[in-house]
Protein backbone atom coordinates (compact mmCIF):
# COMPACT_ATOMS: atom_id res chain seq x y z
CA LYS A 1 -34.26 -23.71 -13.96
CA GLU A 2 -32.40 -20.90 -15.35
CA GLY A 3 -29.28 -22.05 -13.76
CA VAL A 4 -29.03 -18.90 -11.80
CA VAL A 5 -28.00 -18.62 -7.91
CA ILE A 6 -28.88 -15.51 -6.18
CA SER A 7 -27.21 -14.52 -2.95
CA CYS A 8 -28.46 -11.37 -1.17
CA ARG A 9 -26.59 -10.09 2.04
CA MET A 10 -27.33 -6.98 3.91
CA PRO A 11 -26.67 -5.29 7.12
CA GLU A 12 -29.26 -5.39 9.74
CA VAL A 13 -30.20 -1.52 10.02
CA GLU A 14 -33.02 0.11 11.57
CA GLY A 15 -35.23 1.73 8.95
CA ILE A 16 -34.40 -0.60 5.97
CA GLU A 17 -36.92 -3.23 5.09
CA GLU A 18 -35.71 -6.84 5.17
CA LEU A 19 -35.76 -8.46 1.75
CA SER A 20 -38.00 -11.62 1.55
CA GLU A 21 -37.29 -14.64 -0.73
CA GLU A 22 -40.58 -13.83 -2.85
CA ARG A 23 -39.42 -10.22 -3.29
CA ILE A 24 -35.97 -11.36 -4.86
CA GLN A 25 -37.66 -14.01 -6.85
CA ASP A 26 -40.22 -11.65 -8.22
CA SER A 27 -37.62 -9.07 -9.06
CA PHE A 28 -35.61 -11.59 -10.90
CA VAL A 29 -38.53 -13.04 -12.88
CA HIS A 30 -39.79 -9.56 -13.85
CA ALA A 31 -36.34 -8.42 -15.11
CA LEU A 32 -35.95 -11.89 -17.09
CA ALA A 33 -39.46 -11.32 -18.74
CA LYS A 34 -37.94 -7.91 -20.24
CA THR A 35 -34.71 -9.25 -21.59
CA ASP A 36 -33.49 -11.45 -24.25
CA TYR A 37 -30.77 -13.44 -22.83
CA ILE A 38 -28.48 -16.07 -24.21
CA ALA A 39 -25.48 -17.87 -22.73
CA SER A 40 -22.35 -15.53 -22.98
CA VAL A 41 -19.58 -16.58 -25.26
CA ASP A 42 -15.97 -15.18 -24.31
CA GLU A 43 -14.31 -13.67 -27.12
CA ALA A 44 -10.82 -14.94 -27.92
CA VAL A 45 -8.26 -13.18 -26.03
CA VAL A 46 -5.39 -12.12 -28.18
CA TRP A 47 -2.14 -10.34 -27.14
CA PRO A 48 -1.70 -7.02 -29.13
CA LYS A 49 0.94 -6.85 -31.71
CA TYR A 50 4.11 -4.59 -31.01
CA VAL A 51 4.50 -1.20 -32.89
CA ALA A 52 7.90 0.04 -32.60
CA GLY A 53 8.26 3.77 -31.77
CA GLU A 54 9.63 6.22 -34.20
CA HIS A 55 13.14 6.62 -32.36
CA GLN A 56 15.39 3.96 -31.21
CA ALA A 57 17.79 4.58 -28.31
CA THR A 58 20.99 2.82 -27.93
CA ILE A 59 22.75 1.63 -24.61
CA VAL A 60 25.28 4.48 -23.67
CA SER A 61 26.87 2.44 -20.89
CA GLU A 62 26.31 -0.79 -19.07
CA ASN A 63 28.20 -1.48 -15.86
CA GLU A 64 27.86 -3.59 -12.69
CA ASP A 65 27.22 -2.29 -9.07
CA PRO A 66 29.97 -3.94 -6.94
CA SER A 67 27.88 -3.56 -3.84
CA THR A 68 24.74 -5.38 -5.20
CA GLY A 69 25.80 -7.18 -8.19
CA ALA A 70 23.19 -5.29 -10.20
CA VAL A 71 23.69 -4.60 -13.99
CA ILE A 72 22.87 -0.84 -14.69
CA PHE A 73 21.93 0.04 -18.30
CA ASN A 74 22.03 3.77 -19.24
CA LEU A 75 20.06 4.33 -22.36
CA SER A 76 20.52 7.39 -24.72
CA ASN A 77 16.99 8.46 -24.29
CA GLY A 78 17.72 9.06 -20.53
CA ILE A 79 16.02 5.88 -19.24
CA LYS A 80 18.13 3.92 -16.43
CA VAL A 81 17.40 0.30 -15.89
CA TYR A 82 18.69 -1.87 -13.00
CA PHE A 83 18.62 -5.49 -13.13
CA LYS A 84 19.63 -7.92 -10.25
CA GLY A 85 19.85 -11.54 -11.21
CA LEU A 86 18.85 -13.95 -8.49
CA GLU A 87 19.32 -17.78 -9.38
CA GLY A 88 17.27 -18.81 -6.45
CA SER A 89 14.12 -16.64 -7.09
CA GLY A 90 12.62 -19.51 -9.28
CA ASP A 91 10.45 -18.66 -12.41
CA THR A 92 9.38 -14.98 -11.40
CA ILE A 93 10.88 -11.72 -12.50
CA SER A 94 9.67 -8.72 -10.30
CA PHE A 95 9.47 -5.20 -11.54
CA LYS A 96 9.12 -1.61 -10.20
CA ALA A 97 9.30 1.67 -12.10
CA ALA A 98 9.23 4.79 -9.87
CA SER A 99 9.36 8.51 -10.40
CA LYS A 100 9.07 11.63 -7.96
CA GLY A 101 6.33 13.78 -8.16
CA GLY A 102 2.87 12.30 -7.56
CA LEU A 103 -0.15 14.54 -6.57
CA SER A 104 2.12 17.20 -5.15
CA VAL A 105 3.07 18.49 -8.56
CA VAL A 106 -0.57 18.58 -9.82
CA ARG A 107 -1.91 22.11 -10.29
CA GLU A 108 -5.51 21.29 -10.66
CA ASN A 109 -7.44 21.52 -7.35
CA LEU A 110 -9.17 18.00 -7.43
CA GLY A 111 -9.26 17.69 -3.62
CA ALA A 112 -7.35 15.31 -1.12
CA ASP A 113 -9.96 12.58 -1.65
CA LEU A 114 -8.47 11.89 -5.06
CA LYS A 115 -5.72 10.08 -3.52
CA LEU A 116 -8.14 7.34 -2.57
CA TYR A 117 -9.14 6.82 -6.18
CA ILE A 118 -6.56 7.94 -8.67
CA SER A 119 -4.55 4.60 -8.78
CA ASP A 120 -7.81 2.62 -9.35
CA ILE A 121 -8.74 4.89 -12.11
CA ALA A 122 -5.15 4.70 -13.67
CA ASN A 123 -5.62 0.96 -13.79
CA LEU A 124 -8.85 1.16 -15.66
CA SER A 125 -7.26 2.74 -18.74
CA ALA A 126 -7.66 0.88 -21.92
CA VAL A 127 -3.90 0.16 -22.46
CA GLY A 128 -3.21 -0.54 -26.09
CA GLY A 129 -6.87 -0.13 -26.84
CA ILE A 130 -7.68 -3.14 -24.80
CA ALA A 131 -10.15 -2.89 -21.76
CA ARG A 132 -8.82 -3.83 -18.16
CA SER A 133 -11.22 -6.77 -18.03
CA THR A 134 -9.65 -8.26 -21.05
CA TRP A 135 -6.26 -7.55 -19.65
CA GLU A 136 -6.98 -9.33 -16.39
CA LYS A 137 -7.64 -12.54 -18.73
CA LEU A 138 -4.25 -11.98 -20.49
CA TYR A 139 -2.61 -11.62 -17.17
CA THR A 140 -4.08 -15.04 -15.95
CA ASN A 141 -3.29 -16.68 -19.41
CA TYR A 142 0.35 -15.51 -19.44
CA ASN A 143 1.01 -15.45 -15.66
CA LEU A 144 2.07 -11.69 -15.40
CA SER A 145 0.65 -8.53 -14.00
CA LEU A 146 1.38 -4.87 -14.14
CA ASP A 147 -0.33 -2.02 -12.03
CA VAL A 148 -0.06 1.73 -11.66
CA SER A 149 -0.13 3.39 -8.18
CA ILE A 150 -0.14 7.32 -7.54
CA ASN A 151 0.21 8.84 -4.24
CA ASP A 152 1.37 12.46 -2.83
CA TYR A 153 4.80 12.32 -3.77
CA MET A 154 5.43 9.31 -6.16
CA GLU A 155 3.98 7.40 -9.17
CA GLN A 156 5.01 3.68 -9.52
CA LEU A 157 4.37 0.75 -11.87
CA SER A 158 4.93 -2.46 -10.41
CA GLY A 159 4.35 -6.09 -11.53
CA TYR A 160 5.72 -9.41 -12.14
CA THR A 161 6.06 -12.07 -15.08
CA SER A 162 7.33 -15.59 -15.47
CA VAL A 163 10.60 -15.89 -17.20
CA GLY A 164 8.99 -17.36 -20.31
CA ASN A 165 6.90 -14.37 -20.86
CA LEU A 166 9.46 -11.75 -20.02
CA GLU A 167 9.24 -10.26 -23.51
CA LYS A 168 5.40 -9.86 -23.43
CA PHE A 169 5.93 -8.15 -20.07
CA PHE A 170 8.31 -5.66 -21.53
CA HIS A 171 5.87 -5.07 -24.29
CA LEU A 172 3.21 -4.30 -21.59
CA VAL A 173 5.47 -1.92 -19.93
CA ASN A 174 5.97 -0.16 -23.37
CA LEU A 175 2.19 0.07 -24.05
CA SER A 176 1.57 1.34 -20.42
CA PHE A 177 3.51 4.43 -21.41
CA THR A 178 2.68 4.93 -25.02
CA GLN A 179 -0.86 3.58 -25.46
CA ARG A 180 -3.16 4.56 -22.53
CA LYS A 181 -6.58 5.11 -23.69
CA ASP A 182 -9.74 6.59 -22.00
CA ASP A 183 -12.48 3.97 -21.05
CA TYR A 184 -15.41 6.04 -19.59
CA ASP A 185 -17.68 2.95 -19.59
CA SER A 186 -15.31 1.00 -17.19
CA PHE A 187 -15.09 4.22 -14.86
CA ASP A 188 -18.65 4.67 -14.77
CA ILE A 189 -19.22 1.11 -13.41
CA TYR A 190 -16.40 1.79 -11.08
CA ARG A 191 -17.84 5.08 -9.91
CA LYS A 192 -21.20 3.45 -9.01
CA GLY A 193 -19.45 0.53 -7.07
CA LYS A 194 -17.43 3.13 -5.18
CA GLY A 195 -20.36 5.08 -4.33
CA TYR A 196 -21.96 2.16 -2.58
CA GLU A 197 -18.66 1.22 -0.99
CA ALA A 198 -18.61 4.73 0.58
CA LEU A 199 -21.84 4.06 2.17
CA TYR A 200 -21.03 0.43 3.24
CA ARG A 201 -17.90 1.75 5.04
CA LYS A 202 -20.17 3.56 7.52
CA LEU A 203 -21.77 0.20 8.46
CA SER A 204 -18.58 -2.14 8.54
CA PRO A 205 -16.77 -1.82 11.77
CA VAL A 206 -13.37 -2.66 10.41
CA LYS A 207 -13.70 0.16 7.92
CA VAL A 208 -15.10 2.65 10.63
CA PHE A 209 -12.01 1.51 12.64
CA GLU A 210 -9.69 2.17 9.92
CA ASP A 211 -10.99 5.59 9.15
CA SER A 212 -10.92 6.51 12.59
CA VAL A 213 -7.34 5.69 13.18
CA SER A 214 -6.58 7.81 10.20
CA TYR A 215 -8.60 10.61 11.56
CA TYR A 216 -6.80 10.59 14.85
CA ASN A 217 -3.46 10.04 13.37
CA ALA A 218 -3.76 12.98 11.16
CA GLY A 219 -1.84 16.20 12.35
CA ASN A 220 -3.22 18.26 9.42
CA ARG A 221 -6.74 17.13 8.57
CA ARG A 222 -6.95 19.41 5.60
CA PHE A 223 -4.92 16.71 3.82
CA LEU A 224 -7.01 13.88 5.11
CA PRO A 225 -8.92 11.96 2.54
CA ALA A 226 -12.20 10.53 3.13
CA TYR A 227 -14.38 8.06 1.39
CA SER A 228 -17.30 10.03 -0.04
CA LYS A 229 -20.19 9.23 -2.19
CA GLU A 230 -20.67 12.81 -3.17
CA TYR A 231 -17.24 13.15 -4.16
CA VAL A 232 -17.24 9.88 -6.42
CA ASP A 233 -20.41 11.16 -8.00
CA GLN A 234 -18.89 14.55 -9.05
CA MET A 235 -15.43 13.35 -10.34
CA ASP A 236 -14.39 14.51 -13.83
CA TYR A 237 -12.97 11.41 -15.38
CA TYR A 238 -11.40 13.22 -18.31
CA LYS A 239 -9.64 15.58 -15.82
CA VAL A 240 -8.48 12.88 -13.56
CA GLN A 241 -7.18 10.84 -16.63
CA SER A 242 -5.38 13.91 -18.04
CA VAL A 243 -3.53 14.21 -14.55
CA ILE A 244 -2.69 10.39 -15.01
CA ASN A 245 -1.31 10.83 -18.39
CA ARG A 246 0.92 13.59 -17.32
CA ARG A 247 2.27 11.75 -14.36
CA LEU A 248 3.14 8.86 -16.81
CA GLY A 249 4.20 11.01 -19.64
CA ASN A 250 8.09 11.19 -19.16
CA PRO A 251 9.52 7.58 -18.90
CA ALA A 252 12.89 9.09 -18.32
CA ASP A 253 11.67 10.55 -15.16
CA PHE A 254 11.50 6.96 -13.93
CA ILE A 255 13.95 4.42 -12.81
CA PHE A 256 13.19 0.75 -14.08
CA VAL A 257 14.18 -2.03 -11.66
CA PHE A 258 13.98 -5.82 -12.48
CA ALA A 259 15.09 -8.68 -10.18
CA GLY A 260 14.86 -12.46 -10.95
CA ASN A 261 16.34 -15.39 -12.54
CA ALA A 262 16.74 -14.30 -16.29
CA PRO A 263 19.82 -14.09 -18.58
CA VAL A 264 21.42 -10.74 -18.91
CA GLU A 265 21.78 -11.16 -22.34
CA GLN A 266 17.99 -11.48 -22.78
CA MET A 267 17.41 -8.33 -20.46
CA ARG A 268 19.77 -6.31 -22.61
CA GLU A 269 17.83 -7.11 -25.64
CA TYR A 270 14.35 -6.45 -24.32
CA VAL A 271 15.71 -3.14 -22.56
CA LEU A 272 17.03 -1.79 -25.93
CA LYS A 273 13.87 -3.01 -28.03
CA TYR A 274 11.00 -1.90 -25.57
CA LEU A 275 12.36 0.76 -23.39
CA GLY A 276 14.72 2.25 -25.95
CA SER A 277 11.76 3.06 -28.42
CA LEU A 278 10.01 5.20 -25.50
CA ASP A 279 9.92 9.07 -26.34
CA THR A 280 11.23 10.93 -23.36
CA ARG A 281 11.90 14.28 -22.00
CA HIS A 282 15.09 14.88 -19.99
CA ASP A 283 13.83 17.11 -17.57
CA ALA A 284 13.27 15.20 -14.13
CA GLU A 285 10.82 16.29 -11.46
CA GLU A 286 11.00 16.57 -7.73
CA TRP A 287 8.09 16.54 -5.55
CA PHE A 288 6.65 19.27 -3.44
CA VAL A 289 6.27 18.79 0.32
CA LYS A 290 2.79 18.86 1.68
CA PRO A 291 2.64 19.56 5.26
CA ASP A 292 0.69 16.44 6.00
CA TYR A 293 2.33 15.34 9.39
CA PRO A 294 1.24 12.82 11.80
CA ALA A 295 -0.41 13.82 15.14
CA LYS A 296 1.81 14.94 18.06
CA GLY A 297 1.58 14.46 21.75
CA ILE A 298 -0.06 11.61 23.72
CA VAL A 299 -3.51 11.12 22.82
CA GLU A 300 -6.20 8.40 23.65
CA ARG A 301 -9.48 8.28 21.90
CA ARG A 302 -12.34 5.77 22.45
CA PHE A 303 -15.77 5.41 21.01
CA LEU A 304 -18.46 2.88 20.44
CA HIS A 305 -19.62 1.33 17.18
CA ARG A 306 -22.78 -0.80 16.88
CA MET A 307 -22.20 -4.42 16.02
CA MET A 308 -24.06 -7.54 15.94
CA ILE A 309 -21.30 -9.47 17.72
CA PRO A 310 -19.33 -6.83 19.77
CA LYS A 311 -15.70 -6.76 19.68
CA SER A 312 -13.08 -4.29 20.38
CA TYR A 313 -10.21 -3.00 18.10
CA VAL A 314 -7.11 -1.15 19.46
CA ASP A 315 -4.50 0.74 17.58
CA VAL A 316 -1.34 2.14 19.11
CA THR A 317 0.96 4.34 16.86
CA LEU A 318 4.18 5.51 18.24
CA SER A 319 6.15 8.08 16.12
CA SER A 320 9.21 10.40 16.22
CA GLY A 321 11.25 12.49 13.84
CA MET A 322 14.15 10.35 12.94
CA PRO A 323 16.68 10.48 10.00
CA ASN A 324 16.15 7.54 7.48
CA THR A 325 19.44 5.80 8.22
CA GLN A 326 20.43 2.22 8.15
CA ARG A 327 20.98 2.44 11.98
CA ASN A 328 17.60 3.74 12.62
CA ARG A 329 15.84 1.53 10.26
CA ILE A 330 17.57 -1.73 12.22
CA LEU A 331 16.45 -0.35 15.51
CA GLY A 332 12.93 -0.06 14.29
CA GLY A 333 13.28 -3.54 12.82
CA LEU A 334 14.54 -4.82 16.37
CA LEU A 335 11.59 -3.05 18.22
CA GLU A 336 9.29 -4.86 15.62
CA GLU A 337 10.87 -7.96 16.38
CA PHE A 338 10.69 -7.41 20.17
CA LEU A 339 7.03 -6.70 19.99
CA LYS A 340 6.09 -9.68 17.85
CA GLU A 341 7.64 -11.82 20.58
CA VAL A 342 5.60 -9.84 23.27
CA TYR A 343 2.37 -10.29 21.09
CA SER A 344 2.79 -13.96 20.40
CA ASN A 345 3.32 -15.14 23.91
CA GLY A 346 1.68 -14.69 27.38
CA ALA A 347 -1.29 -12.41 28.11
CA ILE A 348 -1.67 -10.65 24.76
CA ARG A 349 -1.69 -13.74 22.67
CA GLU A 350 -4.70 -15.14 24.83
CA LEU A 351 -6.54 -11.80 24.54
CA SER A 352 -5.85 -10.99 20.87
CA PRO A 353 -4.65 -13.83 18.56
CA LYS A 354 -4.99 -11.41 15.61
CA SER A 355 -2.41 -8.88 16.73
CA THR A 356 -0.02 -7.22 14.22
CA VAL A 357 2.86 -4.99 14.45
CA SER A 358 4.79 -3.09 11.72
CA SER A 359 7.75 -0.58 11.83
CA SER A 360 9.02 1.72 9.04
CA ILE A 361 10.65 5.07 8.47
CA GLU A 362 8.49 7.46 6.16
CA PHE A 363 10.54 9.67 4.03
CA TYR A 364 7.71 11.96 3.08
CA PRO A 365 6.89 14.63 4.11
CA GLU A 366 9.73 14.26 6.52
CA GLU A 367 11.72 11.44 7.61
CA ILE A 368 9.69 9.87 10.50
CA LEU A 369 9.76 6.52 12.31
CA LYS A 370 6.56 4.97 12.98
CA CYS A 371 5.78 1.71 14.81
CA ARG A 372 2.08 0.65 14.69
CA SER A 373 0.44 -2.00 16.74
CA ARG A 374 -3.05 -3.26 16.26
CA PHE A 375 -5.17 -5.73 18.38
CA GLU A 376 -8.58 -7.30 18.19
CA THR A 377 -9.99 -8.36 21.53
CA ASP A 378 -13.13 -8.36 23.75
CA SER A 379 -14.30 -5.24 25.91
CA ALA A 380 -12.51 -6.79 28.81
CA GLY A 381 -9.23 -7.42 27.30
CA VAL A 382 -8.51 -3.64 25.98
CA GLN A 383 -7.13 -2.14 29.12
CA GLU A 384 -5.18 -5.36 29.90
CA ILE A 385 -3.48 -5.35 26.35
CA LEU A 386 -2.67 -1.60 26.76
CA ASN A 387 -1.07 -2.29 30.19
CA VAL A 388 0.95 -5.13 29.08
CA LEU A 389 2.29 -3.01 26.22
CA GLU A 390 3.20 -0.02 28.27
CA SER A 391 4.79 -2.19 31.13
CA LYS A 392 7.05 -3.93 28.51
CA LEU A 393 8.04 -0.74 26.85
CA LYS A 394 8.70 0.89 30.36
CA GLU A 395 10.68 -2.10 31.47
CA ILE A 396 13.02 -1.48 28.42
CA VAL A 397 13.29 2.24 28.99
CA TYR A 398 13.90 2.05 32.86
CA ASP A 399 15.33 -1.56 33.54
CA GLY A 400 17.17 -2.22 30.20
CA ILE A 401 17.30 -5.58 28.40
CA SER A 402 19.67 -8.47 29.18
CA ASP A 403 22.66 -9.11 26.90
CA GLU A 404 21.13 -12.48 26.26
CA GLN A 405 17.93 -11.39 25.36
CA PHE A 406 19.18 -8.64 23.14
CA ALA A 407 21.81 -11.25 21.49
CA GLN A 408 18.67 -13.31 20.61
CA LEU A 409 16.69 -10.24 19.12
CA LYS A 410 19.56 -9.44 17.02
CA LYS A 411 19.90 -13.06 15.89
CA ASN A 412 16.21 -13.12 14.83
CA TYR A 413 16.37 -9.88 13.14
CA ARG A 414 19.48 -10.99 10.99
CA LYS A 415 17.56 -14.13 9.95
CA VAL A 416 14.62 -11.97 8.73
CA ILE A 417 17.00 -9.85 6.52
CA LEU A 418 19.09 -12.59 5.21
CA SER A 419 15.63 -14.46 4.27
CA ALA A 420 14.40 -11.14 2.44
CA MET A 421 17.59 -11.00 0.49
CA ASP A 422 16.65 -14.23 -1.29
CA ARG A 423 13.49 -12.63 -2.54
CA ASN A 424 13.09 -10.33 -5.44
CA SER A 425 10.97 -7.85 -3.50
CA TYR A 426 13.89 -6.93 -1.45
CA TRP A 427 15.96 -5.98 -4.31
CA VAL A 428 13.39 -3.94 -6.32
CA ASP A 429 12.38 -1.98 -3.01
CA ASN A 430 15.88 -1.30 -2.26
CA PHE A 431 17.05 -0.23 -5.61
CA VAL A 432 14.20 2.18 -5.54
CA VAL A 433 15.37 3.66 -2.16
CA ASN A 434 18.92 3.71 -3.26
CA TYR A 435 18.90 5.00 -6.64
CA LEU A 436 15.73 7.12 -6.61
CA LEU A 437 15.87 8.48 -3.05
CA GLY A 438 19.65 8.19 -2.38
CA LYS A 439 19.38 6.01 0.65
CA ASP A 440 21.54 2.89 0.45
CA MET A 441 19.98 0.46 2.73
CA HIS A 442 22.06 -2.63 1.60
CA GLN A 443 25.77 -2.19 1.71
CA GLY A 444 27.07 -2.49 5.10
CA TYR A 445 23.74 -3.34 6.81
CA MET A 446 24.79 -6.51 8.35
CA ALA A 447 27.69 -4.88 9.76
CA GLU A 448 25.71 -2.18 11.13
CA ILE A 449 23.18 -4.83 12.84
CA ALA A 450 26.33 -6.39 14.64
CA GLY A 451 27.51 -2.88 15.86
CA ILE A 452 24.28 -2.13 17.65
CA THR A 453 24.47 -2.68 21.49
CA ALA A 454 21.54 -3.19 24.02
CA LYS A 455 22.34 0.42 25.32
CA ASP A 456 21.65 1.86 21.80
CA PHE A 457 18.42 -0.21 21.62
CA CYS A 458 17.17 0.97 25.06
CA SER A 459 18.21 4.61 24.02
CA PHE A 460 15.87 4.14 20.81
CA VAL A 461 12.81 2.79 22.68
CA ASP A 462 13.22 5.70 25.23
CA LYS A 463 13.15 8.46 22.20
CA LEU A 464 10.33 6.87 20.63
CA TYR A 465 8.12 5.74 23.57
CA ARG A 466 8.96 8.31 26.47
CA ARG A 467 9.87 11.25 24.45
CA GLY A 468 7.99 10.54 21.24
CA ASN A 469 4.22 10.73 20.11
CA ARG A 470 1.67 8.03 21.12
CA ILE A 471 -1.77 7.98 19.47
CA THR A 472 -4.06 5.29 20.90
CA VAL A 473 -7.44 4.54 19.31
CA VAL A 474 -10.04 2.14 20.68
CA MET A 475 -13.39 1.27 19.09
CA GLU A 476 -15.59 -0.75 21.40
CA GLY A 477 -18.59 -2.73 19.85
CA THR A 478 -22.05 -2.55 21.36
CA THR A 479 -25.46 -3.79 20.47
CA GLN A 480 -26.89 -0.38 21.46
CA ASP A 481 -27.92 1.94 18.67
CA VAL A 482 -25.03 4.27 18.43
CA ASN A 483 -24.67 7.17 15.99
CA THR A 484 -21.11 6.97 14.97
CA GLN A 485 -21.07 10.34 13.18
CA ASN A 486 -21.44 11.95 16.79
CA LEU A 487 -18.32 10.16 18.08
CA PHE A 488 -15.99 12.32 16.27
CA ARG A 489 -17.33 15.36 18.17
CA GLU A 490 -16.34 13.53 21.48
CA ASN A 491 -19.54 14.52 22.94
CA GLN A 492 -20.74 14.32 26.67
CA PHE A 493 -22.03 10.81 26.03
CA ILE A 494 -18.73 9.55 25.18
CA ARG A 495 -16.98 11.27 28.03
CA ASP A 496 -19.42 10.14 30.49
CA TYR A 497 -19.52 6.54 29.10
CA PHE A 498 -15.90 6.02 29.36
CA ASP A 499 -15.34 8.18 32.53
CA LEU A 500 -12.92 10.47 30.52
């Protein structure tokens, strides 16, 4: 009668008492009796007023990149802005600002686990004195969004806006650099939630599997972050916030990238007004390399996890040191297309309808190509999937690939790239790689695809599969009571069970 619906869900765990309807209702009524409550009334959500900075930069130069058609604005305060106009991108402008450094340049010893939380905490800041919860309403009202992410080697702001709210978005970017305030209350709520989440991860099969894959794929576990209630409970918010503020303290250390269907005159006006008023320093940073390398060799790890409805999860990660060149990126993309075809047809499709595959060249801490495949199946399907995958890769290495099959593979991949070029995300990502990291992954890319032969592809697969690293992680579900914490020790029970 109070207009309240209560939904209570919990895992079935030995030793934890089940909640009865009566207990839930009694708790609610008891809490209600002690509380004066009225229907909540949302306050009016108003966009903040713009306050110009003390200094106003000028545009030193404006030119066009002939290979991409991007307009480049160089401001007197050291900020560089890249804008790619895309008429076919609809009503959305995509944005990214990126800077080198990340946690690698942080002197405070805050632990590897900080990497799991620092981006969330950065987004809890009261930008412009407005709480994040209120910003979420503004984002919805004005069809825009902006988020911060910080990892070991880079900090980024990324977001989008509709063309009609482009000026508001520029204002939001300005506020994100100039008016980032502490909000301890929001952090306290976040910390409590993350504490419970850390406990939940030990019960969720998907989360246990994700953490296990990370564990076995880590070559140096000193740098492996782990979700921990103890770590979350002892976090010093103000120290973390100080790190965040320093990482976002010099806008001139970032490159600003926009892509979408907006007039260049409008972009020029807003770049000058909102980015030109930012205070900057002209000392650009570099990241330091943390020796956080993937595991080497051929490793297979299997373990059990208790589930109500047993399933099996499989992850196969292939890796090899490889220069981050157009050619190697294309070869990785061709392998991804090849494996997608394998997984979408034949035995694997029947055994694992939810299979995924991805290929990329990571540039930090070194240039390393990774190709990861993931499957969800039943216990009987695990070995069959692994056998099919191995046989298909061996076939490429030892028997090659027909010219007809390879021509179709290249055709499919070309179609993927051409389709991506119509999207804003392709351009903002390419510009960060090109102008921040110095790797041009656009000019001449299609010609490079055309020049790759079937022999090149087979040699690449040979280097990655036969001479590279292969880490296979299998988690099998069981209704038996299994202590997951013991599994990382690879104790005798596991060895006997799987006949290892």
